[in-house]
Amino acid sequence: MKGLTQKQETFVLNYFQTGHATNSALTAGYSPKTAQVIAAENLSKP
């Protein structure tokens, strides 16, 4: 996916499969301390 970091791409693909944003952020490699915030930020990006 053009314009995304590797973590963002992994997040998106996992989110499409599971529908769970926080778990998708964790799977993508984001810190457990920030996964919920990062998930919300990623979902709000166009």
PDB file of N, CA and C in Angstrom:
ATOM      1  N   MET A   1       0.838  -1.174   0.000  1.00  0.00           N
ATOM      2  CA  MET A   1       0.000   0.000   0.000  1.00  0.00           C
ATOM      3  C   MET A   1       0.883   1.238   0.000  1.00  0.00           C
ATOM      4  N   LYS A   2       0.656   2.045  -0.974  1.00  0.00           N
ATOM      5  CA  LYS A   2       1.488   3.226  -1.173  1.00  0.00           C
ATOM      6  C   LYS A   2       1.263   4.263  -0.068  1.00  0.00           C
ATOM      7  N   GLY A   3       2.356   4.813   0.436  1.00  0.00           N
ATOM      8  CA  GLY A   3       2.276   5.883   1.419  1.00  0.00           C
ATOM      9  C   GLY A   3       2.133   5.442   2.860  1.00  0.00           C
ATOM     10  N   LEU A   4       2.168   4.146   3.117  1.00  0.00           N
ATOM     11  CA  LEU A   4       2.054   3.641   4.480  1.00  0.00           C
ATOM     12  C   LEU A   4       3.381   3.065   4.948  1.00  0.00           C
ATOM     13  N   THR A   5       3.620   3.177   6.251  1.00  0.00           N
ATOM     14  CA  THR A   5       4.781   2.498   6.818  1.00  0.00           C
ATOM     15  C   THR A   5       4.463   1.006   6.894  1.00  0.00           C
ATOM     16  N   GLN A   6       5.476   0.205   7.151  1.00  0.00           N
ATOM     17  CA  GLN A   6       5.257  -1.238   7.276  1.00  0.00           C
ATOM     18  C   GLN A   6       4.291  -1.543   8.429  1.00  0.00           C
ATOM     19  N   LYS A   7       4.451  -0.841   9.547  1.00  0.00           N
ATOM     20  CA  LYS A   7       3.551  -1.059  10.686  1.00  0.00           C
ATOM     21  C   LYS A   7       2.116  -0.686  10.332  1.00  0.00           C
ATOM     22  N   GLN A   8       1.942   0.428   9.632  1.00  0.00           N
ATOM     23  CA  GLN A   8       0.599   0.853   9.240  1.00  0.00           C
ATOM     24  C   GLN A   8      -0.041  -0.157   8.296  1.00  0.00           C
ATOM     25  N   GLU A   9       0.735  -0.656   7.365  1.00  0.00           N
ATOM     26  CA  GLU A   9       0.207  -1.641   6.422  1.00  0.00           C
ATOM     27  C   GLU A   9      -0.206  -2.916   7.148  1.00  0.00           C
ATOM     28  N   THR A  10       0.636  -3.379   8.065  1.00  0.00           N
ATOM     29  CA  THR A  10       0.309  -4.569   8.846  1.00  0.00           C
ATOM     30  C   THR A  10      -0.947  -4.330   9.670  1.00  0.00           C
ATOM     31  N   PHE A  11      -1.048  -3.145  10.262  1.00  0.00           N
ATOM     32  CA  PHE A  11      -2.239  -2.783  11.038  1.00  0.00           C
ATOM     33  C   PHE A  11      -3.493  -2.883  10.164  1.00  0.00           C
ATOM     34  N   VAL A  12      -3.464  -2.259   8.994  1.00  0.00           N
ATOM     35  CA  VAL A  12      -4.629  -2.231   8.103  1.00  0.00           C
ATOM     36  C   VAL A  12      -5.042  -3.640   7.690  1.00  0.00           C
ATOM     37  N   LEU A  13      -4.099  -4.430   7.260  1.00  0.00           N
ATOM     38  CA  LEU A  13      -4.415  -5.787   6.815  1.00  0.00           C
ATOM     39  C   LEU A  13      -5.012  -6.613   7.948  1.00  0.00           C
ATOM     40  N   ASN A  14      -4.433  -6.496   9.143  1.00  0.00           N
ATOM     41  CA  ASN A  14      -4.949  -7.244  10.286  1.00  0.00           C
ATOM     42  C   ASN A  14      -6.318  -6.722  10.712  1.00  0.00           C
ATOM     43  N   TYR A  15      -6.502  -5.409  10.655  1.00  0.00           N
ATOM     44  CA  TYR A  15      -7.796  -4.829  11.031  1.00  0.00           C
ATOM     45  C   TYR A  15      -8.903  -5.303  10.088  1.00  0.00           C
ATOM     46  N   PHE A  16      -8.612  -5.390   8.799  1.00  0.00           N
ATOM     47  CA  PHE A  16      -9.606  -5.887   7.841  1.00  0.00           C
ATOM     48  C   PHE A  16      -9.992  -7.330   8.147  1.00  0.00           C
ATOM     49  N   GLN A  17      -9.036  -8.109   8.636  1.00  0.00           N
ATOM     50  CA  GLN A  17      -9.301  -9.519   8.934  1.00  0.00           C
ATOM     51  C   GLN A  17     -10.049  -9.705  10.245  1.00  0.00           C
ATOM     52  N   THR A  18      -9.700  -8.906  11.262  1.00  0.00           N
ATOM     53  CA  THR A  18     -10.233  -9.138  12.603  1.00  0.00           C
ATOM     54  C   THR A  18     -11.276  -8.131  13.056  1.00  0.00           C
ATOM     55  N   GLY A  19     -11.181  -6.903  12.565  1.00  0.00           N
ATOM     56  CA  GLY A  19     -12.080  -5.858  13.018  1.00  0.00           C
ATOM     57  C   GLY A  19     -11.745  -5.313  14.393  1.00  0.00           C
ATOM     58  N   HIS A  20     -10.611  -5.708  14.942  1.00  0.00           N
ATOM     59  CA  HIS A  20     -10.214  -5.261  16.278  1.00  0.00           C
ATOM     60  C   HIS A  20      -8.986  -4.366  16.177  1.00  0.00           C
ATOM     61  N   ALA A  21      -9.186  -3.084  16.407  1.00  0.00           N
ATOM     62  CA  ALA A  21      -8.135  -2.096  16.176  1.00  0.00           C
ATOM     63  C   ALA A  21      -6.948  -2.234  17.127  1.00  0.00           C
ATOM     64  N   THR A  22      -7.202  -2.353  18.426  1.00  0.00           N
ATOM     65  CA  THR A  22      -6.092  -2.418  19.384  1.00  0.00           C
ATOM     66  C   THR A  22      -5.252  -3.668  19.163  1.00  0.00           C
ATOM     67  N   ASN A  23      -5.894  -4.806  18.977  1.00  0.00           N
ATOM     68  CA  ASN A  23      -5.136  -6.033  18.717  1.00  0.00           C
ATOM     69  C   ASN A  23      -4.360  -5.932  17.410  1.00  0.00           C
ATOM     70  N   SER A  24      -4.918  -5.261  16.433  1.00  0.00           N
ATOM     71  CA  SER A  24      -4.225  -5.079  15.160  1.00  0.00           C
ATOM     72  C   SER A  24      -2.979  -4.223  15.340  1.00  0.00           C
ATOM     73  N   ALA A  25      -3.065  -3.214  16.186  1.00  0.00           N
ATOM     74  CA  ALA A  25      -1.900  -2.378  16.471  1.00  0.00           C
ATOM     75  C   ALA A  25      -0.818  -3.190  17.177  1.00  0.00           C
ATOM     76  N   LEU A  26      -1.219  -4.024  18.113  1.00  0.00           N
ATOM     77  CA  LEU A  26      -0.252  -4.880  18.807  1.00  0.00           C
ATOM     78  C   LEU A  26       0.402  -5.857  17.834  1.00  0.00           C
ATOM     79  N   THR A  27      -0.392  -6.455  16.960  1.00  0.00           N
ATOM     80  CA  THR A  27       0.132  -7.383  15.958  1.00  0.00           C
ATOM     81  C   THR A  27       1.110  -6.685  15.024  1.00  0.00           C
ATOM     82  N   ALA A  28       0.851  -5.420  14.742  1.00  0.00           N
ATOM     83  CA  ALA A  28       1.723  -4.650  13.851  1.00  0.00           C
ATOM     84  C   ALA A  28       3.043  -4.273  14.513  1.00  0.00           C
ATOM     85  N   GLY A  29       3.116  -4.438  15.835  1.00  0.00           N
ATOM     86  CA  GLY A  29       4.372  -4.165  16.523  1.00  0.00           C
ATOM     87  C   GLY A  29       4.395  -2.902  17.358  1.00  0.00           C
ATOM     88  N   TYR A  30       3.243  -2.276  17.520  1.00  0.00           N
ATOM     89  CA  TYR A  30       3.189  -1.088  18.366  1.00  0.00           C
ATOM     90  C   TYR A  30       3.237  -1.505  19.835  1.00  0.00           C
ATOM     91  N   SER A  31       3.709  -0.618  20.682  1.00  0.00           N
ATOM     92  CA  SER A  31       3.841  -0.863  22.111  1.00  0.00           C
ATOM     93  C   SER A  31       2.472  -1.054  22.765  1.00  0.00           C
ATOM     94  N   PRO A  32       2.383  -1.981  23.727  1.00  0.00           N
ATOM     95  CA  PRO A  32       1.119  -2.141  24.459  1.00  0.00           C
ATOM     96  C   PRO A  32       0.672  -0.847  25.155  1.00  0.00           C
ATOM     97  N   LYS A  33       1.616   0.002  25.513  1.00  0.00           N
ATOM     98  CA  LYS A  33       1.274   1.261  26.176  1.00  0.00           C
ATOM     99  C   LYS A  33       0.600   2.248  25.226  1.00  0.00           C
ATOM    100  N   THR A  34       0.907   2.152  23.937  1.00  0.00           N
ATOM    101  CA  THR A  34       0.380   3.125  22.976  1.00  0.00           C
ATOM    102  C   THR A  34      -0.555   2.518  21.933  1.00  0.00           C
ATOM    103  N   ALA A  35      -0.772   1.223  21.978  1.00  0.00           N
ATOM    104  CA  ALA A  35      -1.534   0.539  20.927  1.00  0.00           C
ATOM    105  C   ALA A  35      -2.939   1.105  20.745  1.00  0.00           C
ATOM    106  N   GLN A  36      -3.622   1.404  21.839  1.00  0.00           N
ATOM    107  CA  GLN A  36      -4.994   1.903  21.722  1.00  0.00           C
ATOM    108  C   GLN A  36      -5.028   3.276  21.054  1.00  0.00           C
ATOM    109  N   VAL A  37      -4.104   4.143  21.420  1.00  0.00           N
ATOM    110  CA  VAL A  37      -4.048   5.486  20.837  1.00  0.00           C
ATOM    111  C   VAL A  37      -3.643   5.409  19.368  1.00  0.00           C
ATOM    112  N   ILE A  38      -2.626   4.611  19.070  1.00  0.00           N
ATOM    113  CA  ILE A  38      -2.163   4.449  17.685  1.00  0.00           C
ATOM    114  C   ILE A  38      -3.280   3.875  16.821  1.00  0.00           C
ATOM    115  N   ALA A  39      -4.020   2.907  17.364  1.00  0.00           N
ATOM    116  CA  ALA A  39      -5.124   2.311  16.612  1.00  0.00           C
ATOM    117  C   ALA A  39      -6.154   3.374  16.243  1.00  0.00           C
ATOM    118  N   ALA A  40      -6.512   4.208  17.199  1.00  0.00           N
ATOM    119  CA  ALA A  40      -7.484   5.275  16.930  1.00  0.00           C
ATOM    120  C   ALA A  40      -6.942   6.264  15.903  1.00  0.00           C
ATOM    121  N   GLU A  41      -5.667   6.603  16.027  1.00  0.00           N
ATOM    122  CA  GLU A  41      -5.054   7.523  15.062  1.00  0.00           C
ATOM    123  C   GLU A  41      -5.052   6.918  13.664  1.00  0.00           C
ATOM    124  N   ASN A  42      -4.676   5.647  13.564  1.00  0.00           N
ATOM    125  CA  ASN A  42      -4.638   4.992  12.252  1.00  0.00           C
ATOM    126  C   ASN A  42      -6.025   4.933  11.621  1.00  0.00           C
ATOM    127  N   LEU A  43      -7.043   4.699  12.422  1.00  0.00           N
ATOM    128  CA  LEU A  43      -8.403   4.628  11.882  1.00  0.00           C
ATOM    129  C   LEU A  43      -8.924   5.989  11.444  1.00  0.00           C
ATOM    130  N   SER A  44      -8.377   7.052  12.000  1.00  0.00           N
ATOM    131  CA  SER A  44      -8.856   8.386  11.635  1.00  0.00           C
ATOM    132  C   SER A  44      -8.138   8.974  10.427  1.00  0.00           C
ATOM    133  N   LYS A  45      -7.083   8.308   9.971  1.00  0.00           N
ATOM    134  CA  LYS A  45      -6.343   8.800   8.803  1.00  0.00           C
ATOM    135  C   LYS A  45      -7.105   8.448   7.531  1.00  0.00           C
ATOM    136  N   PRO A  46      -7.044   9.335   6.538  1.00  0.00           N
ATOM    137  CA  PRO A  46      -7.766   9.063   5.282  1.00  0.00           C
ATOM    138  C   PRO A  46      -7.174   7.907   4.497  1.00  0.00           C
TER     139      PRO A  46
END
